[in-house]
mmCIF file of all heavy atoms, coordinates in Angstrom:
data_MODEL
# 
_entry.id   MODEL 
# 
loop_
_atom_site.group_PDB 
_atom_site.id 
_atom_site.type_symbol 
_atom_site.label_atom_id 
_atom_site.label_alt_id 
_atom_site.label_comp_id 
_atom_site.label_asym_id 
_atom_site.label_entity_id 
_atom_site.label_seq_id 
_atom_site.pdbx_PDB_ins_code 
_atom_site.Cartn_x 
_atom_site.Cartn_y 
_atom_site.Cartn_z 
_atom_site.occupancy 
_atom_site.B_iso_or_equiv 
_atom_site.pdbx_formal_charge 
_atom_site.auth_seq_id 
_atom_site.auth_comp_id 
_atom_site.auth_asym_id 
_atom_site.auth_atom_id 
_atom_site.pdbx_PDB_model_num 
ATOM 1   N N   . TYR A 1 1  ? 0.751   -1.165 0.018   1.00 0.00 ? 1  TYR A N   1 
ATOM 2   C CA  . TYR A 1 1  ? 0.025   0.018  -0.056  1.00 0.00 ? 1  TYR A CA  1 
ATOM 3   C C   . TYR A 1 1  ? 0.854   1.242  -0.022  1.00 0.00 ? 1  TYR A C   1 
ATOM 4   O O   . TYR A 1 1  ? 0.379   2.266  -0.449  1.00 0.00 ? 1  TYR A O   1 
ATOM 5   C CB  . TYR A 1 1  ? -0.969  -0.005 1.197   1.00 0.00 ? 1  TYR A CB  1 
ATOM 6   C CG  . TYR A 1 1  ? -2.036  -1.039 1.214   1.00 0.00 ? 1  TYR A CG  1 
ATOM 7   C CD1 . TYR A 1 1  ? -2.591  -1.471 2.311   1.00 0.00 ? 1  TYR A CD1 1 
ATOM 8   C CD2 . TYR A 1 1  ? -2.362  -1.699 -0.103  1.00 0.00 ? 1  TYR A CD2 1 
ATOM 9   C CE1 . TYR A 1 1  ? -3.649  -2.569 2.262   1.00 0.00 ? 1  TYR A CE1 1 
ATOM 10  C CE2 . TYR A 1 1  ? -3.307  -2.664 -0.064  1.00 0.00 ? 1  TYR A CE2 1 
ATOM 11  C CZ  . TYR A 1 1  ? -3.933  -3.093 1.085   1.00 0.00 ? 1  TYR A CZ  1 
ATOM 12  O OH  . TYR A 1 1  ? -4.916  -4.037 1.047   1.00 0.00 ? 1  TYR A OH  1 
ATOM 13  N N   . VAL A 1 2  ? 2.064   1.195  0.554   1.00 0.00 ? 2  VAL A N   1 
ATOM 14  C CA  . VAL A 1 2  ? 2.962   2.371  0.516   1.00 0.00 ? 2  VAL A CA  1 
ATOM 15  C C   . VAL A 1 2  ? 4.131   2.210  -0.470  1.00 0.00 ? 2  VAL A C   1 
ATOM 16  O O   . VAL A 1 2  ? 4.754   3.190  -0.884  1.00 0.00 ? 2  VAL A O   1 
ATOM 17  C CB  . VAL A 1 2  ? 3.529   2.650  1.935   1.00 0.00 ? 2  VAL A CB  1 
ATOM 18  C CG1 . VAL A 1 2  ? 2.390   3.140  2.933   1.00 0.00 ? 2  VAL A CG1 1 
ATOM 19  C CG2 . VAL A 1 2  ? 4.101   1.404  2.508   1.00 0.00 ? 2  VAL A CG2 1 
ATOM 20  N N   . ALA A 1 3  ? 4.460   0.965  -0.847  1.00 0.00 ? 3  ALA A N   1 
ATOM 21  C CA  . ALA A 1 3  ? 5.529   0.749  -1.723  1.00 0.00 ? 3  ALA A CA  1 
ATOM 22  C C   . ALA A 1 3  ? 5.153   1.014  -3.294  1.00 0.00 ? 3  ALA A C   1 
ATOM 23  O O   . ALA A 1 3  ? 5.905   1.313  -4.052  1.00 0.00 ? 3  ALA A O   1 
ATOM 24  C CB  . ALA A 1 3  ? 6.110   -0.731 -1.612  1.00 0.00 ? 3  ALA A CB  1 
ATOM 25  N N   . ASP A 1 4  ? 3.854   0.735  -3.540  1.00 0.00 ? 4  ASP A N   1 
ATOM 26  C CA  . ASP A 1 4  ? 3.332   0.848  -4.955  1.00 0.00 ? 4  ASP A CA  1 
ATOM 27  C C   . ASP A 1 4  ? 2.463   2.074  -4.941  1.00 0.00 ? 4  ASP A C   1 
ATOM 28  O O   . ASP A 1 4  ? 1.406   2.177  -4.358  1.00 0.00 ? 4  ASP A O   1 
ATOM 29  C CB  . ASP A 1 4  ? 2.430   -0.382 -5.237  1.00 0.00 ? 4  ASP A CB  1 
ATOM 30  C CG  . ASP A 1 4  ? 2.155   -0.434 -6.820  1.00 0.00 ? 4  ASP A CG  1 
ATOM 31  O OD1 . ASP A 1 4  ? 1.816   0.713  -7.323  1.00 0.00 ? 4  ASP A OD1 1 
ATOM 32  O OD2 . ASP A 1 4  ? 2.191   -1.454 -7.418  1.00 0.00 ? 4  ASP A OD2 1 
ATOM 33  N N   . GLU A 1 5  ? 2.870   3.072  -5.732  1.00 0.00 ? 5  GLU A N   1 
ATOM 34  C CA  . GLU A 1 5  ? 2.228   4.335  -5.706  1.00 0.00 ? 5  GLU A CA  1 
ATOM 35  C C   . GLU A 1 5  ? 0.846   4.273  -6.253  1.00 0.00 ? 5  GLU A C   1 
ATOM 36  O O   . GLU A 1 5  ? -0.086  5.181  -5.940  1.00 0.00 ? 5  GLU A O   1 
ATOM 37  C CB  . GLU A 1 5  ? 3.015   5.439  -6.584  1.00 0.00 ? 5  GLU A CB  1 
ATOM 38  C CG  . GLU A 1 5  ? 3.113   5.070  -8.090  1.00 0.00 ? 5  GLU A CG  1 
ATOM 39  C CD  . GLU A 1 5  ? 3.764   6.174  -8.861  1.00 0.00 ? 5  GLU A CD  1 
ATOM 40  O OE1 . GLU A 1 5  ? 4.362   7.053  -8.143  1.00 0.00 ? 5  GLU A OE1 1 
ATOM 41  O OE2 . GLU A 1 5  ? 3.803   6.066  -10.022 1.00 0.00 ? 5  GLU A OE2 1 
ATOM 42  N N   . ARG A 1 6  ? 0.486   3.276  -7.019  1.00 0.00 ? 6  ARG A N   1 
ATOM 43  C CA  . ARG A 1 6  ? -0.801  3.045  -7.509  1.00 0.00 ? 6  ARG A CA  1 
ATOM 44  C C   . ARG A 1 6  ? -1.883  2.790  -6.306  1.00 0.00 ? 6  ARG A C   1 
ATOM 45  O O   . ARG A 1 6  ? -2.987  3.345  -6.354  1.00 0.00 ? 6  ARG A O   1 
ATOM 46  C CB  . ARG A 1 6  ? -0.903  1.953  -8.576  1.00 0.00 ? 6  ARG A CB  1 
ATOM 47  C CG  . ARG A 1 6  ? -0.108  2.271  -9.868  1.00 0.00 ? 6  ARG A CG  1 
ATOM 48  C CD  . ARG A 1 6  ? -0.062  0.986  -10.723 1.00 0.00 ? 6  ARG A CD  1 
ATOM 49  N NE  . ARG A 1 6  ? 0.895   -0.014 -10.019 1.00 0.00 ? 6  ARG A NE  1 
ATOM 50  C CZ  . ARG A 1 6  ? 1.021   -1.209 -10.503 1.00 0.00 ? 6  ARG A CZ  1 
ATOM 51  N NH1 . ARG A 1 6  ? 0.595   -1.648 -11.757 1.00 0.00 ? 6  ARG A NH1 1 
ATOM 52  N NH2 . ARG A 1 6  ? 1.671   -2.129 -9.837  1.00 0.00 ? 6  ARG A NH2 1 
ATOM 53  N N   . PHE A 1 7  ? -1.407  1.888  -5.461  1.00 0.00 ? 7  PHE A N   1 
ATOM 54  C CA  . PHE A 1 7  ? -2.287  1.678  -4.255  1.00 0.00 ? 7  PHE A CA  1 
ATOM 55  C C   . PHE A 1 7  ? -2.307  2.795  -3.389  1.00 0.00 ? 7  PHE A C   1 
ATOM 56  O O   . PHE A 1 7  ? -3.403  3.152  -2.827  1.00 0.00 ? 7  PHE A O   1 
ATOM 57  C CB  . PHE A 1 7  ? -1.619  0.410  -3.471  1.00 0.00 ? 7  PHE A CB  1 
ATOM 58  C CG  . PHE A 1 7  ? -1.947  -0.897 -4.161  1.00 0.00 ? 7  PHE A CG  1 
ATOM 59  C CD1 . PHE A 1 7  ? -0.875  -1.422 -4.906  1.00 0.00 ? 7  PHE A CD1 1 
ATOM 60  C CD2 . PHE A 1 7  ? -3.152  -1.536 -3.950  1.00 0.00 ? 7  PHE A CD2 1 
ATOM 61  C CE1 . PHE A 1 7  ? -1.161  -2.712 -5.554  1.00 0.00 ? 7  PHE A CE1 1 
ATOM 62  C CE2 . PHE A 1 7  ? -3.294  -2.806 -4.538  1.00 0.00 ? 7  PHE A CE2 1 
ATOM 63  C CZ  . PHE A 1 7  ? -2.338  -3.414 -5.279  1.00 0.00 ? 7  PHE A CZ  1 
ATOM 64  N N   . THR A 1 8  ? -1.121  3.540  -3.210  1.00 0.00 ? 8  THR A N   1 
ATOM 65  C CA  . THR A 1 8  ? -1.137  4.659  -2.411  1.00 0.00 ? 8  THR A CA  1 
ATOM 66  C C   . THR A 1 8  ? -2.175  5.799  -2.764  1.00 0.00 ? 8  THR A C   1 
ATOM 67  O O   . THR A 1 8  ? -2.936  6.362  -2.009  1.00 0.00 ? 8  THR A O   1 
ATOM 68  C CB  . THR A 1 8  ? 0.267   5.395  -2.249  1.00 0.00 ? 8  THR A CB  1 
ATOM 69  O OG1 . THR A 1 8  ? 1.165   4.284  -1.786  1.00 0.00 ? 8  THR A OG1 1 
ATOM 70  C CG2 . THR A 1 8  ? 0.356   6.471  -1.310  1.00 0.00 ? 8  THR A CG2 1 
ATOM 71  N N   . LYS A 1 9  ? -2.130  6.050  -4.166  1.00 0.00 ? 9  LYS A N   1 
ATOM 72  C CA  . LYS A 1 9  ? -3.088  7.117  -4.751  1.00 0.00 ? 9  LYS A CA  1 
ATOM 73  C C   . LYS A 1 9  ? -4.499  6.720  -4.588  1.00 0.00 ? 9  LYS A C   1 
ATOM 74  O O   . LYS A 1 9  ? -5.356  7.545  -4.226  1.00 0.00 ? 9  LYS A O   1 
ATOM 75  C CB  . LYS A 1 9  ? -2.652  7.335  -6.141  1.00 0.00 ? 9  LYS A CB  1 
ATOM 76  C CG  . LYS A 1 9  ? -1.332  8.035  -6.398  1.00 0.00 ? 9  LYS A CG  1 
ATOM 77  C CD  . LYS A 1 9  ? -1.162  8.271  -7.882  1.00 0.00 ? 9  LYS A CD  1 
ATOM 78  C CE  . LYS A 1 9  ? 0.214   9.034  -8.089  1.00 0.00 ? 9  LYS A CE  1 
ATOM 79  N NZ  . LYS A 1 9  ? 0.569   9.129  -9.612  1.00 0.00 ? 9  LYS A NZ  1 
ATOM 80  N N   . ASN A 1 10 ? -4.728  5.454  -4.749  1.00 0.00 ? 10 ASN A N   1 
ATOM 81  C CA  . ASN A 1 10 ? -6.150  5.001  -4.717  1.00 0.00 ? 10 ASN A CA  1 
ATOM 82  C C   . ASN A 1 10 ? -6.722  5.022  -3.179  1.00 0.00 ? 10 ASN A C   1 
ATOM 83  O O   . ASN A 1 10 ? -7.836  5.496  -3.001  1.00 0.00 ? 10 ASN A O   1 
ATOM 84  C CB  . ASN A 1 10 ? -6.282  3.465  -5.213  1.00 0.00 ? 10 ASN A CB  1 
ATOM 85  C CG  . ASN A 1 10 ? -7.688  3.050  -5.308  1.00 0.00 ? 10 ASN A CG  1 
ATOM 86  O OD1 . ASN A 1 10 ? -8.495  3.695  -5.917  1.00 0.00 ? 10 ASN A OD1 1 
ATOM 87  N ND2 . ASN A 1 10 ? -7.985  1.873  -4.661  1.00 0.00 ? 10 ASN A ND2 1 
ATOM 88  N N   . LEU A 1 11 ? -5.880  4.615  -2.338  1.00 0.00 ? 11 LEU A N   1 
ATOM 89  C CA  . LEU A 1 11 ? -6.259  4.708  -0.961  1.00 0.00 ? 11 LEU A CA  1 
ATOM 90  C C   . LEU A 1 11 ? -6.373  6.119  -0.315  1.00 0.00 ? 11 LEU A C   1 
ATOM 91  O O   . LEU A 1 11 ? -7.266  6.447  0.401   1.00 0.00 ? 11 LEU A O   1 
ATOM 92  C CB  . LEU A 1 11 ? -5.432  3.853  -0.071  1.00 0.00 ? 11 LEU A CB  1 
ATOM 93  C CG  . LEU A 1 11 ? -5.486  2.280  -0.222  1.00 0.00 ? 11 LEU A CG  1 
ATOM 94  C CD1 . LEU A 1 11 ? -4.263  1.591  0.504   1.00 0.00 ? 11 LEU A CD1 1 
ATOM 95  C CD2 . LEU A 1 11 ? -6.892  1.887  0.167   1.00 0.00 ? 11 LEU A CD2 1 
ATOM 96  N N   . ASP A 1 12 ? -5.470  6.957  -0.729  1.00 0.00 ? 12 ASP A N   1 
ATOM 97  C CA  . ASP A 1 12 ? -5.517  8.351  -0.354  1.00 0.00 ? 12 ASP A CA  1 
ATOM 98  C C   . ASP A 1 12 ? -6.608  9.167  -0.866  1.00 0.00 ? 12 ASP A C   1 
ATOM 99  O O   . ASP A 1 12 ? -6.851  10.283 -0.407  1.00 0.00 ? 12 ASP A O   1 
ATOM 100 C CB  . ASP A 1 12 ? -4.124  8.962  -0.625  1.00 0.00 ? 12 ASP A CB  1 
ATOM 101 C CG  . ASP A 1 12 ? -3.008  8.644  0.290   1.00 0.00 ? 12 ASP A CG  1 
ATOM 102 O OD1 . ASP A 1 12 ? -3.344  7.806  1.284   1.00 0.00 ? 12 ASP A OD1 1 
ATOM 103 O OD2 . ASP A 1 12 ? -1.899  9.000  0.247   1.00 0.00 ? 12 ASP A OD2 1 
ATOM 104 N N   . LYS A 1 13 ? -7.425  8.614  -1.886  1.00 0.00 ? 13 LYS A N   1 
ATOM 105 C CA  . LYS A 1 13 ? -8.641  9.233  -2.319  1.00 0.00 ? 13 LYS A CA  1 
ATOM 106 C C   . LYS A 1 13 ? -9.591  9.357  -1.128  1.00 0.00 ? 13 LYS A C   1 
ATOM 107 O O   . LYS A 1 13 ? -10.518 10.221 -1.257  1.00 0.00 ? 13 LYS A O   1 
ATOM 108 C CB  . LYS A 1 13 ? -9.229  8.515  -3.504  1.00 0.00 ? 13 LYS A CB  1 
ATOM 109 C CG  . LYS A 1 13 ? -8.369  8.546  -4.784  1.00 0.00 ? 13 LYS A CG  1 
ATOM 110 C CD  . LYS A 1 13 ? -9.013  7.854  -5.872  1.00 0.00 ? 13 LYS A CD  1 
ATOM 111 C CE  . LYS A 1 13 ? -8.158  7.871  -7.169  1.00 0.00 ? 13 LYS A CE  1 
ATOM 112 N NZ  . LYS A 1 13 ? -8.728  7.103  -8.234  1.00 0.00 ? 13 LYS A NZ  1 
ATOM 113 N N   . TYR A 1 14 ? -9.454  8.431  -0.250  1.00 0.00 ? 14 TYR A N   1 
ATOM 114 C CA  . TYR A 1 14 ? -10.532 8.449  0.907   1.00 0.00 ? 14 TYR A CA  1 
ATOM 115 C C   . TYR A 1 14 ? -10.048 9.482  2.058   1.00 0.00 ? 14 TYR A C   1 
ATOM 116 O O   . TYR A 1 14 ? -10.783 9.793  2.929   1.00 0.00 ? 14 TYR A O   1 
ATOM 117 C CB  . TYR A 1 14 ? -10.518 7.059  1.616   1.00 0.00 ? 14 TYR A CB  1 
ATOM 118 C CG  . TYR A 1 14 ? -11.128 6.080  0.677   1.00 0.00 ? 14 TYR A CG  1 
ATOM 119 C CD1 . TYR A 1 14 ? -10.346 5.369  -0.254  1.00 0.00 ? 14 TYR A CD1 1 
ATOM 120 C CD2 . TYR A 1 14 ? -12.480 5.797  0.707   1.00 0.00 ? 14 TYR A CD2 1 
ATOM 121 C CE1 . TYR A 1 14 ? -10.904 4.383  -1.063  1.00 0.00 ? 14 TYR A CE1 1 
ATOM 122 C CE2 . TYR A 1 14 ? -13.059 4.839  -0.112  1.00 0.00 ? 14 TYR A CE2 1 
ATOM 123 C CZ  . TYR A 1 14 ? -12.277 4.166  -0.972  1.00 0.00 ? 14 TYR A CZ  1 
ATOM 124 O OH  . TYR A 1 14 ? -12.969 3.264  -1.947  1.00 0.00 ? 14 TYR A OH  1 
ATOM 125 N N   . GLY A 1 15 ? -8.795  9.952  1.906   1.00 0.00 ? 15 GLY A N   1 
ATOM 126 C CA  . GLY A 1 15 ? -8.233  10.970 2.735   1.00 0.00 ? 15 GLY A CA  1 
ATOM 127 C C   . GLY A 1 15 ? -6.805  10.915 2.814   1.00 0.00 ? 15 GLY A C   1 
ATOM 128 O O   . GLY A 1 15 ? -6.180  9.696  2.787   1.00 0.00 ? 15 GLY A O   1 
ATOM 129 N N   . GLU A 1 16 ? -6.064  12.003 2.719   1.00 0.00 ? 16 GLU A N   1 
ATOM 130 C CA  . GLU A 1 16 ? -4.536  12.051 2.760   1.00 0.00 ? 16 GLU A CA  1 
ATOM 131 C C   . GLU A 1 16 ? -4.074  11.188 3.913   1.00 0.00 ? 16 GLU A C   1 
ATOM 132 O O   . GLU A 1 16 ? -4.424  11.432 5.033   1.00 0.00 ? 16 GLU A O   1 
ATOM 133 C CB  . GLU A 1 16 ? -4.101  13.449 2.811   1.00 0.00 ? 16 GLU A CB  1 
ATOM 134 C CG  . GLU A 1 16 ? -2.595  13.714 2.503   1.00 0.00 ? 16 GLU A CG  1 
ATOM 135 C CD  . GLU A 1 16 ? -2.294  13.307 1.042   1.00 0.00 ? 16 GLU A CD  1 
ATOM 136 O OE1 . GLU A 1 16 ? -3.119  13.487 0.197   1.00 0.00 ? 16 GLU A OE1 1 
ATOM 137 O OE2 . GLU A 1 16 ? -1.133  12.975 0.802   1.00 0.00 ? 16 GLU A OE2 1 
ATOM 138 N N   . GLY A 1 17 ? -3.113  10.401 3.595   1.00 0.00 ? 17 GLY A N   1 
ATOM 139 C CA  . GLY A 1 17 ? -2.483  9.562  4.641   1.00 0.00 ? 17 GLY A CA  1 
ATOM 140 C C   . GLY A 1 17 ? -3.086  8.278  4.987   1.00 0.00 ? 17 GLY A C   1 
ATOM 141 O O   . GLY A 1 17 ? -2.713  7.516  5.820   1.00 0.00 ? 17 GLY A O   1 
ATOM 142 N N   . THR A 1 18 ? -4.166  8.011  4.183   1.00 0.00 ? 18 THR A N   1 
ATOM 143 C CA  . THR A 1 18 ? -4.905  6.672  4.566   1.00 0.00 ? 18 THR A CA  1 
ATOM 144 C C   . THR A 1 18 ? -4.021  5.480  4.317   1.00 0.00 ? 18 THR A C   1 
ATOM 145 O O   . THR A 1 18 ? -3.971  4.590  5.112   1.00 0.00 ? 18 THR A O   1 
ATOM 146 C CB  . THR A 1 18 ? -6.214  6.628  3.686   1.00 0.00 ? 18 THR A CB  1 
ATOM 147 O OG1 . THR A 1 18 ? -7.061  7.746  4.097   1.00 0.00 ? 18 THR A OG1 1 
ATOM 148 C CG2 . THR A 1 18 ? -6.920  5.384  3.936   1.00 0.00 ? 18 THR A CG2 1 
ATOM 149 N N   . ALA A 1 19 ? -3.370  5.500  3.103   1.00 0.00 ? 19 ALA A N   1 
ATOM 150 C CA  . ALA A 1 19 ? -2.524  4.449  2.724   1.00 0.00 ? 19 ALA A CA  1 
ATOM 151 C C   . ALA A 1 19 ? -1.412  4.112  3.780   1.00 0.00 ? 19 ALA A C   1 
ATOM 152 O O   . ALA A 1 19 ? -1.217  2.955  4.166   1.00 0.00 ? 19 ALA A O   1 
ATOM 153 C CB  . ALA A 1 19 ? -1.816  4.543  1.272   1.00 0.00 ? 19 ALA A CB  1 
ATOM 154 N N   . ARG A 1 20 ? -0.723  5.161  4.251   1.00 0.00 ? 20 ARG A N   1 
ATOM 155 C CA  . ARG A 1 20 ? 0.347   4.921  5.207   1.00 0.00 ? 20 ARG A CA  1 
ATOM 156 C C   . ARG A 1 20 ? -0.234  4.528  6.631   1.00 0.00 ? 20 ARG A C   1 
ATOM 157 O O   . ARG A 1 20 ? 0.334   3.583  7.195   1.00 0.00 ? 20 ARG A O   1 
ATOM 158 C CB  . ARG A 1 20 ? 1.179   6.219  5.437   1.00 0.00 ? 20 ARG A CB  1 
ATOM 159 C CG  . ARG A 1 20 ? 2.230   6.105  6.380   1.00 0.00 ? 20 ARG A CG  1 
ATOM 160 C CD  . ARG A 1 20 ? 3.361   7.130  6.138   1.00 0.00 ? 20 ARG A CD  1 
ATOM 161 N NE  . ARG A 1 20 ? 3.993   6.867  4.960   1.00 0.00 ? 20 ARG A NE  1 
ATOM 162 C CZ  . ARG A 1 20 ? 4.939   5.967  4.723   1.00 0.00 ? 20 ARG A CZ  1 
ATOM 163 N NH1 . ARG A 1 20 ? 5.313   5.145  5.687   1.00 0.00 ? 20 ARG A NH1 1 
ATOM 164 N NH2 . ARG A 1 20 ? 5.464   5.849  3.555   1.00 0.00 ? 20 ARG A NH2 1 
ATOM 165 N N   . PHE A 1 21 ? -1.317  5.134  6.994   1.00 0.00 ? 21 PHE A N   1 
ATOM 166 C CA  . PHE A 1 21 ? -1.911  4.617  8.236   1.00 0.00 ? 21 PHE A CA  1 
ATOM 167 C C   . PHE A 1 21 ? -2.344  3.157  8.200   1.00 0.00 ? 21 PHE A C   1 
ATOM 168 O O   . PHE A 1 21 ? -2.224  2.454  9.210   1.00 0.00 ? 21 PHE A O   1 
ATOM 169 C CB  . PHE A 1 21 ? -3.040  5.576  8.590   1.00 0.00 ? 21 PHE A CB  1 
ATOM 170 C CG  . PHE A 1 21 ? -3.698  5.178  9.939   1.00 0.00 ? 21 PHE A CG  1 
ATOM 171 C CD1 . PHE A 1 21 ? -3.236  5.728  11.116  1.00 0.00 ? 21 PHE A CD1 1 
ATOM 172 C CD2 . PHE A 1 21 ? -4.827  4.360  10.008  1.00 0.00 ? 21 PHE A CD2 1 
ATOM 173 C CE1 . PHE A 1 21 ? -3.790  5.398  12.391  1.00 0.00 ? 21 PHE A CE1 1 
ATOM 174 C CE2 . PHE A 1 21 ? -5.338  4.017  11.240  1.00 0.00 ? 21 PHE A CE2 1 
ATOM 175 C CZ  . PHE A 1 21 ? -4.831  4.535  12.437  1.00 0.00 ? 21 PHE A CZ  1 
ATOM 176 N N   . MET A 1 22 ? -2.999  2.847  7.189   1.00 0.00 ? 22 MET A N   1 
ATOM 177 C CA  . MET A 1 22 ? -3.458  1.439  6.912   1.00 0.00 ? 22 MET A CA  1 
ATOM 178 C C   . MET A 1 22 ? -2.349  0.514  6.883   1.00 0.00 ? 22 MET A C   1 
ATOM 179 O O   . MET A 1 22 ? -2.377  -0.542 7.545   1.00 0.00 ? 22 MET A O   1 
ATOM 180 C CB  . MET A 1 22 ? -4.220  1.388  5.599   1.00 0.00 ? 22 MET A CB  1 
ATOM 181 C CG  . MET A 1 22 ? -5.113  0.165  5.450   1.00 0.00 ? 22 MET A CG  1 
ATOM 182 S SD  . MET A 1 22 ? -6.156  0.325  3.989   1.00 0.00 ? 22 MET A SD  1 
ATOM 183 C CE  . MET A 1 22 ? -6.926  -1.391 4.049   1.00 0.00 ? 22 MET A CE  1 
ATOM 184 N N   . SER A 1 23 ? -1.208  0.912  6.245   1.00 0.00 ? 23 SER A N   1 
ATOM 185 C CA  . SER A 1 23 ? -0.062  0.043  6.177   1.00 0.00 ? 23 SER A CA  1 
ATOM 186 C C   . SER A 1 23 ? 0.547   -0.146 7.647   1.00 0.00 ? 23 SER A C   1 
ATOM 187 O O   . SER A 1 23 ? 0.934   -1.263 8.039   1.00 0.00 ? 23 SER A O   1 
ATOM 188 C CB  . SER A 1 23 ? 1.033   0.630  5.264   1.00 0.00 ? 23 SER A CB  1 
ATOM 189 O OG  . SER A 1 23 ? 2.197   -0.131 5.299   1.00 0.00 ? 23 SER A OG  1 
ATOM 190 N N   . GLU A 1 24 ? 0.605   0.960  8.482   1.00 0.00 ? 24 GLU A N   1 
ATOM 191 C CA  . GLU A 1 24 ? 1.158   0.849  9.753   1.00 0.00 ? 24 GLU A CA  1 
ATOM 192 C C   . GLU A 1 24 ? 0.247   0.060  10.664  1.00 0.00 ? 24 GLU A C   1 
ATOM 193 O O   . GLU A 1 24 ? 0.598   -0.682 11.551  1.00 0.00 ? 24 GLU A O   1 
ATOM 194 C CB  . GLU A 1 24 ? 1.358   2.275  10.313  1.00 0.00 ? 24 GLU A CB  1 
ATOM 195 C CG  . GLU A 1 24 ? 2.410   3.005  9.608   1.00 0.00 ? 24 GLU A CG  1 
ATOM 196 C CD  . GLU A 1 24 ? 2.506   4.495  10.025  1.00 0.00 ? 24 GLU A CD  1 
ATOM 197 O OE1 . GLU A 1 24 ? 1.554   4.955  10.741  1.00 0.00 ? 24 GLU A OE1 1 
ATOM 198 O OE2 . GLU A 1 24 ? 3.415   5.158  9.642   1.00 0.00 ? 24 GLU A OE2 1 
ATOM 199 N N   . ALA A 1 25 ? -1.030  0.160  10.444  1.00 0.00 ? 25 ALA A N   1 
ATOM 200 C CA  . ALA A 1 25 ? -2.037  -0.600 11.335  1.00 0.00 ? 25 ALA A CA  1 
ATOM 201 C C   . ALA A 1 25 ? -1.956  -2.066 11.026  1.00 0.00 ? 25 ALA A C   1 
ATOM 202 O O   . ALA A 1 25 ? -1.971  -2.969 11.901  1.00 0.00 ? 25 ALA A O   1 
ATOM 203 C CB  . ALA A 1 25 ? -3.477  -0.074 11.146  1.00 0.00 ? 25 ALA A CB  1 
ATOM 204 N N   . ILE A 1 26 ? -1.826  -2.367 9.768   1.00 0.00 ? 26 ILE A N   1 
ATOM 205 C CA  . ILE A 1 26 ? -1.672  -3.772 9.314   1.00 0.00 ? 26 ILE A CA  1 
ATOM 206 C C   . ILE A 1 26 ? -0.362  -4.303 9.955   1.00 0.00 ? 26 ILE A C   1 
ATOM 207 O O   . ILE A 1 26 ? -0.370  -5.613 10.504  1.00 0.00 ? 26 ILE A O   1 
ATOM 208 C CB  . ILE A 1 26 ? -1.740  -3.906 7.851   1.00 0.00 ? 26 ILE A CB  1 
ATOM 209 C CG1 . ILE A 1 26 ? -3.125  -3.685 7.366   1.00 0.00 ? 26 ILE A CG1 1 
ATOM 210 C CG2 . ILE A 1 26 ? -1.211  -5.388 7.354   1.00 0.00 ? 26 ILE A CG2 1 
ATOM 211 C CD1 . ILE A 1 26 ? -3.278  -3.619 5.851   1.00 0.00 ? 26 ILE A CD1 1 
# 
């Protein structure tokens, strides 16, 4: 989710920082 910018951009559409937070939570 943070290594691949395609996933990062898609998740961050729900709110800036969503991808990184989700990655850290997982």
